[in-house]
C-alpha atoms as a PDB file:
ATOM      1  CA  UNK A   1       3.930  -3.818  21.402  1.00  0.00           C
ATOM      2  CA  UNK A   2       1.806  -0.288  22.237  1.00  0.00           C
ATOM      3  CA  UNK A   3      -1.650  -0.971  23.040  1.00  0.00           C
ATOM      4  CA  UNK A   4      -2.671   0.695  19.946  1.00  0.00           C
ATOM      5  CA  UNK A   5      -0.596   0.665  16.896  1.00  0.00           C
ATOM      6  CA  UNK A   6      -2.409   2.543  14.089  1.00  0.00           C
ATOM      7  CA  UNK A   7      -0.908   2.128  10.532  1.00  0.00           C
ATOM      8  CA  UNK A   8      -1.106   4.871   7.183  1.00  0.00           C
ATOM      9  CA  UNK A   9      -1.155   3.256   3.880  1.00  0.00           C
ATOM     10  CA  UNK A  10      -0.577   6.807   1.221  1.00  0.00           C
ATOM     11  CA  UNK A  11       0.494   6.390  -2.664  1.00  0.00           C
ATOM     12  CA  UNK A  12       2.022  10.342  -2.387  1.00  0.00           C
ATOM     13  CA  UNK A  13       1.795  10.583  -5.856  1.00  0.00           C
ATOM     14  CA  UNK A  14       5.240  12.537  -5.389  1.00  0.00           C
ATOM     15  CA  UNK A  15       7.531  12.169  -2.457  1.00  0.00           C
ATOM     16  CA  UNK A  16       8.953  15.917  -2.715  1.00  0.00           C
ATOM     17  CA  UNK A  17       5.526  17.861  -4.050  1.00  0.00           C
ATOM     18  CA  UNK A  18       4.143  16.141  -0.590  1.00  0.00           C
ATOM     19  CA  UNK A  19       6.793  17.059   1.274  1.00  0.00           C
ATOM     20  CA  UNK A  20       6.465  20.534  -0.092  1.00  0.00           C
ATOM     21  CA  UNK A  21       2.835  20.848   0.586  1.00  0.00           C
ATOM     22  CA  UNK A  22       3.484  19.946   4.280  1.00  0.00           C
ATOM     23  CA  UNK A  23       0.495  17.090   4.597  1.00  0.00           C
ATOM     24  CA  UNK A  24       3.325  14.215   5.332  1.00  0.00           C
ATOM     25  CA  UNK A  25       4.793  15.910   8.894  1.00  0.00           C
ATOM     26  CA  UNK A  26       0.863  15.837  10.588  1.00  0.00           C
ATOM     27  CA  UNK A  27       0.289  12.428   9.110  1.00  0.00           C
ATOM     28  CA  UNK A  28       3.831  10.792  10.745  1.00  0.00           C
ATOM     29  CA  UNK A  29       3.153  12.877  14.063  1.00  0.00           C
ATOM     30  CA  UNK A  30      -0.339  11.184  14.869  1.00  0.00           C
ATOM     31  CA  UNK A  31       0.360   7.497  13.277  1.00  0.00           C
ATOM     32  CA  UNK A  32       3.111   4.711  14.310  1.00  0.00           C
ATOM     33  CA  UNK A  33       3.764   3.366  11.512  1.00  0.00           C
ATOM     34  CA  UNK A  34       3.315   5.184   7.583  1.00  0.00           C
ATOM     35  CA  UNK A  35       3.589   3.329   3.964  1.00  0.00           C
ATOM     36  CA  UNK A  36       4.578   5.706   1.704  1.00  0.00           C
ATOM     37  CA  UNK A  37       4.100   4.740  -2.578  1.00  0.00           C
ATOM     38  CA  UNK A  38       5.022   5.876  -5.914  1.00  0.00           C
ATOM     39  CA  UNK A  39       7.763   8.292  -3.836  1.00  0.00           C
ATOM     40  CA  UNK A  40       9.831   9.332  -7.382  1.00  0.00           C
ATOM     41  CA  UNK A  41      12.228   9.967  -5.624  1.00  0.00           C
ATOM     42  CA  UNK A  42      16.049   8.405  -4.720  1.00  0.00           C
ATOM     43  CA  UNK A  43      16.812  11.085  -1.888  1.00  0.00           C
ATOM     44  CA  UNK A  44      14.882  11.162   1.485  1.00  0.00           C
ATOM     45  CA  UNK A  45      14.068  15.021   2.450  1.00  0.00           C
ATOM     46  CA  UNK A  46      16.901  15.924   5.448  1.00  0.00           C
ATOM     47  CA  UNK A  47      13.763  16.600   7.969  1.00  0.00           C
ATOM     48  CA  UNK A  48      13.897  12.906   7.546  1.00  0.00           C
ATOM     49  CA  UNK A  49      17.054  11.887   8.092  1.00  0.00           C
ATOM     50  CA  UNK A  50      17.531  13.786  10.932  1.00  0.00           C
ATOM     51  CA  UNK A  51      14.041  12.919  13.055  1.00  0.00           C
ATOM     52  CA  UNK A  52      15.441   9.748  14.883  1.00  0.00           C
ATOM     53  CA  UNK A  53      12.563   8.043  13.195  1.00  0.00           C
ATOM     54  CA  UNK A  54      13.570   4.595  11.624  1.00  0.00           C
ATOM     55  CA  UNK A  55      13.144   5.088   7.603  1.00  0.00           C
ATOM     56  CA  UNK A  56      13.666   2.395   4.938  1.00  0.00           C
ATOM     57  CA  UNK A  57      13.366   3.335   1.131  1.00  0.00           C
ATOM     58  CA  UNK A  58      12.939   1.054  -2.168  1.00  0.00           C
ATOM     59  CA  UNK A  59      13.392   3.485  -4.655  1.00  0.00           C
ATOM     60  CA  UNK A  60      13.240   2.417  -8.674  1.00  0.00           C
ATOM     61  CA  UNK A  61      16.026   2.458 -10.747  1.00  0.00           C
ATOM     62  CA  UNK A  62      14.494   4.820 -12.816  1.00  0.00           C
ATOM     63  CA  UNK A  63      14.535   8.270 -11.876  1.00  0.00           C
ATOM     64  CA  UNK A  64      11.328   9.977 -10.977  1.00  0.00           C
ATOM     65  CA  UNK A  65       9.339   6.345 -11.480  1.00  0.00           C
ATOM     66  CA  UNK A  66       7.459   4.092  -8.767  1.00  0.00           C
ATOM     67  CA  UNK A  67       9.628   3.485  -5.174  1.00  0.00           C
ATOM     68  CA  UNK A  68       7.915   2.994  -1.524  1.00  0.00           C
ATOM     69  CA  UNK A  69       9.098   4.316   1.649  1.00  0.00           C
ATOM     70  CA  UNK A  70       8.401   3.187   4.858  1.00  0.00           C
ATOM     71  CA  UNK A  71       8.591   5.151   8.182  1.00  0.00           C
ATOM     72  CA  UNK A  72       8.094   3.535  11.569  1.00  0.00           C
ATOM     73  CA  UNK A  73       8.376   4.757  15.472  1.00  0.00           C
ATOM     74  CA  UNK A  74       8.774   1.631  16.174  1.00  0.00           C
ATOM     75  CA  UNK A  75      12.377   0.051  15.365  1.00  0.00           C
ATOM     76  CA  UNK A  76      12.025  -3.326  13.213  1.00  0.00           C
ATOM     77  CA  UNK A  77      13.648  -6.362  13.756  1.00  0.00           C
ATOM     78  CA  UNK A  78      14.919  -6.654   9.999  1.00  0.00           C
ATOM     79  CA  UNK A  79      14.114  -4.808   6.934  1.00  0.00           C
ATOM     80  CA  UNK A  80      13.322  -6.743   3.382  1.00  0.00           C
ATOM     81  CA  UNK A  81      13.394  -4.702  -0.139  1.00  0.00           C
ATOM     82  CA  UNK A  82      12.266  -6.157  -3.141  1.00  0.00           C
ATOM     83  CA  UNK A  83      10.812  -9.608  -3.578  1.00  0.00           C
ATOM     84  CA  UNK A  84      13.879 -11.106  -4.888  1.00  0.00           C
ATOM     85  CA  UNK A  85      12.926 -10.919  -8.739  1.00  0.00           C
ATOM     86  CA  UNK A  86      14.803  -8.095 -10.805  1.00  0.00           C
ATOM     87  CA  UNK A  87      12.150  -7.259 -12.840  1.00  0.00           C
ATOM     88  CA  UNK A  88      10.105  -6.212 -10.191  1.00  0.00           C
ATOM     89  CA  UNK A  89      12.552  -5.089  -8.037  1.00  0.00           C
ATOM     90  CA  UNK A  90      13.904  -2.567 -10.437  1.00  0.00           C
ATOM     91  CA  UNK A  91      10.363  -0.695 -10.005  1.00  0.00           C
ATOM     92  CA  UNK A  92      10.769  -0.216  -6.405  1.00  0.00           C
ATOM     93  CA  UNK A  93       7.619  -2.124  -5.623  1.00  0.00           C
ATOM     94  CA  UNK A  94       8.074  -3.598  -2.656  1.00  0.00           C
ATOM     95  CA  UNK A  95       9.447  -2.972   1.143  1.00  0.00           C
ATOM     96  CA  UNK A  96       8.782  -5.354   4.251  1.00  0.00           C
ATOM     97  CA  UNK A  97       9.577  -4.008   7.757  1.00  0.00           C
ATOM     98  CA  UNK A  98       9.493  -7.278  10.108  1.00  0.00           C
ATOM     99  CA  UNK A  99       8.191  -6.776  14.020  1.00  0.00           C
ATOM    100  CA  UNK A 100       8.092  -9.052  16.933  1.00  0.00           C
ATOM    101  CA  UNK A 101       4.501 -10.131  15.798  1.00  0.00           C
ATOM    102  CA  UNK A 102       4.091  -9.418  12.529  1.00  0.00           C
ATOM    103  CA  UNK A 103       5.192  -8.635   8.918  1.00  0.00           C
ATOM    104  CA  UNK A 104       4.095  -5.047   7.558  1.00  0.00           C
ATOM    105  CA  UNK A 105       4.348  -5.128   3.907  1.00  0.00           C
ATOM    106  CA  UNK A 106       4.439  -2.116   2.094  1.00  0.00           C
ATOM    107  CA  UNK A 107       3.470  -2.364  -1.816  1.00  0.00           C
ATOM    108  CA  UNK A 108       2.625  -0.600  -5.142  1.00  0.00           C
ATOM    109  CA  UNK A 109       1.346  -2.470  -7.397  1.00  0.00           C
ATOM    110  CA  UNK A 110       1.817  -2.204 -11.322  1.00  0.00           C
ATOM    111  CA  UNK A 111      -0.800  -0.389 -13.117  1.00  0.00           C
ATOM    112  CA  UNK A 112      -1.961  -3.005 -15.811  1.00  0.00           C
ATOM    113  CA  UNK A 113      -1.645   0.327 -18.197  1.00  0.00           C
ATOM    114  CA  UNK A 114      -2.971   1.897 -20.866  1.00  0.00           C
ATOM    115  CA  UNK A 115      -4.670  -0.862 -23.446  1.00  0.00           C
ATOM    116  CA  UNK A 116      -3.940  -3.183 -20.934  1.00  0.00           C
ATOM    117  CA  UNK A 117      -0.066  -3.047 -22.333  1.00  0.00           C
ATOM    118  CA  UNK A 118       1.345  -4.345 -18.755  1.00  0.00           C
ATOM    119  CA  UNK A 119      -2.029  -6.607 -17.933  1.00  0.00           C
ATOM    120  CA  UNK A 120       0.314  -9.954 -18.385  1.00  0.00           C
ATOM    121  CA  UNK A 121       3.100  -8.008 -16.133  1.00  0.00           C
ATOM    122  CA  UNK A 122       0.860  -7.110 -13.440  1.00  0.00           C
ATOM    123  CA  UNK A 123      -0.687 -10.268 -13.116  1.00  0.00           C
ATOM    124  CA  UNK A 124       2.893 -12.165 -12.531  1.00  0.00           C
ATOM    125  CA  UNK A 125       4.105  -9.485 -10.127  1.00  0.00           C
ATOM    126  CA  UNK A 126       0.434 -10.719  -8.262  1.00  0.00           C
ATOM    127  CA  UNK A 127       1.115 -13.902  -8.306  1.00  0.00           C
ATOM    128  CA  UNK A 128       4.753 -13.209  -6.979  1.00  0.00           C
ATOM    129  CA  UNK A 129       3.519 -11.163  -3.890  1.00  0.00           C
ATOM    130  CA  UNK A 130       1.361 -13.883  -2.859  1.00  0.00           C
ATOM    131  CA  UNK A 131       3.762 -16.701  -2.760  1.00  0.00           C
ATOM    132  CA  UNK A 132       5.961 -14.308  -0.649  1.00  0.00           C
ATOM    133  CA  UNK A 133       3.445 -13.091   1.261  1.00  0.00           C
ATOM    134  CA  UNK A 134       2.249 -16.538   2.083  1.00  0.00           C
ATOM    135  CA  UNK A 135       6.097 -17.629   2.440  1.00  0.00           C
ATOM    136  CA  UNK A 136       6.251 -14.233   5.149  1.00  0.00           C
ATOM    137  CA  UNK A 137       3.151 -16.217   7.256  1.00  0.00           C
ATOM    138  CA  UNK A 138       4.731 -19.630   7.865  1.00  0.00           C
ATOM    139  CA  UNK A 139       6.413 -17.842  10.424  1.00  0.00           C
ATOM    140  CA  UNK A 140       4.504 -14.958  11.639  1.00  0.00           C
ATOM    141  CA  UNK A 141       1.141 -13.217  10.911  1.00  0.00           C
ATOM    142  CA  UNK A 142       1.513 -10.562   7.887  1.00  0.00           C
ATOM    143  CA  UNK A 143      -0.333  -7.100   7.060  1.00  0.00           C
ATOM    144  CA  UNK A 144       0.022  -5.939   3.776  1.00  0.00           C
ATOM    145  CA  UNK A 145      -0.882  -2.205   2.969  1.00  0.00           C
ATOM    146  CA  UNK A 146      -0.591  -0.794  -0.448  1.00  0.00           C
ATOM    147  CA  UNK A 147      -1.706   1.197  -4.010  1.00  0.00           C
ATOM    148  CA  UNK A 148      -3.143  -2.393  -5.140  1.00  0.00           C
ATOM    149  CA  UNK A 149      -4.058  -0.354  -8.710  1.00  0.00           C
ATOM    150  CA  UNK A 150      -7.247  -3.225  -8.880  1.00  0.00           C
ATOM    151  CA  UNK A 151     -10.690  -2.796  -7.508  1.00  0.00           C
ATOM    152  CA  UNK A 152     -12.641  -6.089  -6.378  1.00  0.00           C
ATOM    153  CA  UNK A 153     -16.077  -5.758  -7.349  1.00  0.00           C
ATOM    154  CA  UNK A 154     -18.436  -3.080  -8.912  1.00  0.00           C
ATOM    155  CA  UNK A 155     -18.443  -1.291  -5.622  1.00  0.00           C
ATOM    156  CA  UNK A 156     -15.184   0.018  -5.664  1.00  0.00           C
ATOM    157  CA  UNK A 157     -15.682   1.905  -8.582  1.00  0.00           C
ATOM    158  CA  UNK A 158     -17.853   4.912  -9.895  1.00  0.00           C
ATOM    159  CA  UNK A 159     -17.727   3.717 -13.313  1.00  0.00           C
ATOM    160  CA  UNK A 160     -17.107   0.323 -15.540  1.00  0.00           C
ATOM    161  CA  UNK A 161     -15.228  -0.657 -18.150  1.00  0.00           C
ATOM    162  CA  UNK A 162     -13.657  -4.493 -17.786  1.00  0.00           C
ATOM    163  CA  UNK A 163     -10.970  -3.082 -20.526  1.00  0.00           C
ATOM    164  CA  UNK A 164      -9.833  -0.504 -18.038  1.00  0.00           C
ATOM    165  CA  UNK A 165      -7.201  -0.754 -16.143  1.00  0.00           C
ATOM    166  CA  UNK A 166      -8.198  -1.984 -12.777  1.00  0.00           C
ATOM    167  CA  UNK A 167     -11.361  -3.320 -13.298  1.00  0.00           C
ATOM    168  CA  UNK A 168     -10.323  -6.546 -15.829  1.00  0.00           C
ATOM    169  CA  UNK A 169     -11.966  -9.721 -14.114  1.00  0.00           C
ATOM    170  CA  UNK A 170      -7.887 -11.396 -14.207  1.00  0.00           C
ATOM    171  CA  UNK A 171      -6.749  -8.299 -11.520  1.00  0.00           C
ATOM    172  CA  UNK A 172     -10.336  -8.638  -9.783  1.00  0.00           C
ATOM    173  CA  UNK A 173     -10.086 -12.066  -9.429  1.00  0.00           C
ATOM    174  CA  UNK A 174      -6.438 -12.073  -8.092  1.00  0.00           C
ATOM    175  CA  UNK A 175      -7.173 -10.076  -5.500  1.00  0.00           C
ATOM    176  CA  UNK A 176     -10.908 -12.163  -4.271  1.00  0.00           C
ATOM    177  CA  UNK A 177      -8.588 -15.740  -4.370  1.00  0.00           C
ATOM    178  CA  UNK A 178      -5.489 -14.188  -2.118  1.00  0.00           C
ATOM    179  CA  UNK A 179      -8.637 -12.910   0.487  1.00  0.00           C
ATOM    180  CA  UNK A 180      -9.548 -16.093   0.310  1.00  0.00           C
ATOM    181  CA  UNK A 181      -6.383 -17.687   1.298  1.00  0.00           C
ATOM    182  CA  UNK A 182      -6.774 -16.153   4.463  1.00  0.00           C
ATOM    183  CA  UNK A 183      -6.372 -12.759   4.378  1.00  0.00           C
ATOM    184  CA  UNK A 184      -9.199 -10.058   5.635  1.00  0.00           C
ATOM    185  CA  UNK A 185      -9.745  -6.235   3.933  1.00  0.00           C
ATOM    186  CA  UNK A 186      -9.716  -4.077   6.813  1.00  0.00           C
ATOM    187  CA  UNK A 187     -12.071  -1.783   4.706  1.00  0.00           C
ATOM    188  CA  UNK A 188     -14.641  -4.193   4.663  1.00  0.00           C
ATOM    189  CA  UNK A 189     -14.649  -5.405   8.027  1.00  0.00           C
ATOM    190  CA  UNK A 190     -15.131  -1.678   9.615  1.00  0.00           C
ATOM    191  CA  UNK A 191     -17.676  -1.759   7.188  1.00  0.00           C
ATOM    192  CA  UNK A 192     -15.646   1.998   5.991  1.00  0.00           C
ATOM    193  CA  UNK A 193     -16.287   1.327   1.931  1.00  0.00           C
ATOM    194  CA  UNK A 194     -14.959   4.317  -0.053  1.00  0.00           C
ATOM    195  CA  UNK A 195     -13.223   5.388  -2.793  1.00  0.00           C
ATOM    196  CA  UNK A 196      -9.272   5.764  -2.530  1.00  0.00           C
ATOM    197  CA  UNK A 197      -8.468   7.588  -6.039  1.00  0.00           C
ATOM    198  CA  UNK A 198     -10.103   9.889  -8.408  1.00  0.00           C
ATOM    199  CA  UNK A 199      -8.995  11.434 -11.757  1.00  0.00           C
ATOM    200  CA  UNK A 200      -7.446  14.488 -11.213  1.00  0.00           C
ATOM    201  CA  UNK A 201      -8.559  15.421 -15.385  1.00  0.00           C
ATOM    202  CA  UNK A 202     -12.116  13.571 -14.715  1.00  0.00           C
ATOM    203  CA  UNK A 203     -13.272  14.070 -11.412  1.00  0.00           C
ATOM    204  CA  UNK A 204     -16.623  11.749 -12.237  1.00  0.00           C
ATOM    205  CA  UNK A 205     -13.561   8.304 -12.232  1.00  0.00           C
ATOM    206  CA  UNK A 206     -12.984   7.376  -8.810  1.00  0.00           C
ATOM    207  CA  UNK A 207     -12.022   3.925  -7.518  1.00  0.00           C
ATOM    208  CA  UNK A 208     -11.363   2.269  -3.876  1.00  0.00           C
ATOM    209  CA  UNK A 209      -7.718   0.642  -5.283  1.00  0.00           C
ATOM    210  CA  UNK A 210      -6.169   1.411  -2.188  1.00  0.00           C
ATOM    211  CA  UNK A 211      -5.932  -1.627   0.345  1.00  0.00           C
ATOM    212  CA  UNK A 212      -4.528  -2.383   3.918  1.00  0.00           C
ATOM    213  CA  UNK A 213      -5.444  -6.492   4.618  1.00  0.00           C
ATOM    214  CA  UNK A 214      -4.411  -8.528   7.629  1.00  0.00           C
ATOM    215  CA  UNK A 215      -3.756 -12.224   7.976  1.00  0.00           C
ATOM    216  CA  UNK A 216      -7.066 -13.572   9.434  1.00  0.00           C
ATOM    217  CA  UNK A 217      -5.718 -14.386  13.184  1.00  0.00           C
ATOM    218  CA  UNK A 218      -5.022 -10.205  13.161  1.00  0.00           C
ATOM    219  CA  UNK A 219      -8.611  -9.150  11.738  1.00  0.00           C
ATOM    220  CA  UNK A 220     -10.256  -9.109  15.822  1.00  0.00           C
ATOM    221  CA  UNK A 221      -7.311  -7.010  16.670  1.00  0.00           C
ATOM    222  CA  UNK A 222      -8.730  -4.133  13.958  1.00  0.00           C
ATOM    223  CA  UNK A 223     -10.297  -1.976  15.770  1.00  0.00           C
ATOM    224  CA  UNK A 224     -10.741   0.727  13.613  1.00  0.00           C
ATOM    225  CA  UNK A 225      -9.845   1.888   9.616  1.00  0.00           C
ATOM    226  CA  UNK A 226     -10.451   5.075   8.016  1.00  0.00           C
ATOM    227  CA  UNK A 227     -10.039   6.813   4.441  1.00  0.00           C
ATOM    228  CA  UNK A 228      -8.324  10.030   5.769  1.00  0.00           C
ATOM    229  CA  UNK A 229      -9.436  13.169   4.138  1.00  0.00           C
ATOM    230  CA  UNK A 230      -5.753  14.625   3.333  1.00  0.00           C
ATOM    231  CA  UNK A 231      -5.435  16.619  -0.088  1.00  0.00           C
ATOM    232  CA  UNK A 232      -2.260  16.860  -1.782  1.00  0.00           C
ATOM    233  CA  UNK A 233      -2.578  13.866  -4.100  1.00  0.00           C
ATOM    234  CA  UNK A 234      -4.903  11.938  -6.310  1.00  0.00           C
ATOM    235  CA  UNK A 235      -4.826   9.702  -3.388  1.00  0.00           C
ATOM    236  CA  UNK A 236      -6.329   9.514   0.054  1.00  0.00           C
ATOM    237  CA  UNK A 237      -4.423   8.011   2.898  1.00  0.00           C
ATOM    238  CA  UNK A 238      -5.714   4.926   4.658  1.00  0.00           C
ATOM    239  CA  UNK A 239      -5.591   4.718   8.439  1.00  0.00           C
ATOM    240  CA  UNK A 240      -6.138   1.260   9.997  1.00  0.00           C
ATOM    241  CA  UNK A 241      -5.938   0.577  13.699  1.00  0.00           C
ATOM    242  CA  UNK A 242      -4.753  -2.537  15.642  1.00  0.00           C
ATOM    243  CA  UNK A 243      -5.731  -2.882  19.412  1.00  0.00           C
ATOM    244  CA  UNK A 244      -4.381  -5.263  21.878  1.00  0.00           C
END
């Protein structure tokens, strides 16, 4: 492993749009592993295909919806697409890269939906990815990053209504209970709690819903965490740096 490893996670809100804006190129140049969510595309841009980078994509079956992509300068030992559960995998929500010392899970959690219409689906996904991550951790350390579509507590949102997607007690409880099973919130560890999403329409609505969590034995290697001030999506990228 290199002396320092920089991992960026970003909900790009459309891969084609973010590529046209030219901001992804700089992110790739300055980091080692790039985890993208909500790519909304079945096509990998040609410049990425011929870049020599290690690229894995797991799009949703439905066109223009969801999907995740991972880009790595390090060649992974293996790539795991999905959770092995069709109702979640059809939406392209989880992509895992295996490296020598750890797994890196790229994930796009479902939104609980307007009127909480998908809250039960979201909670089922929460439990499924928890089981998946804990199973992987039986063999080596785990890093899980992505858009969790939920906050942990009131400090993570500019507004408060427990009937709003991402703010429900059930969603908050799941994240906090998951952390208690041996994971560390990198932003909290580095005391860099900032909102990562802001509504295009209602600028006063902002939340911290993007996370990088590491299994606790990796916490001592977390040397930096930043919310990158990059425009192009309604989410900001987050970066975690691991040092030997």
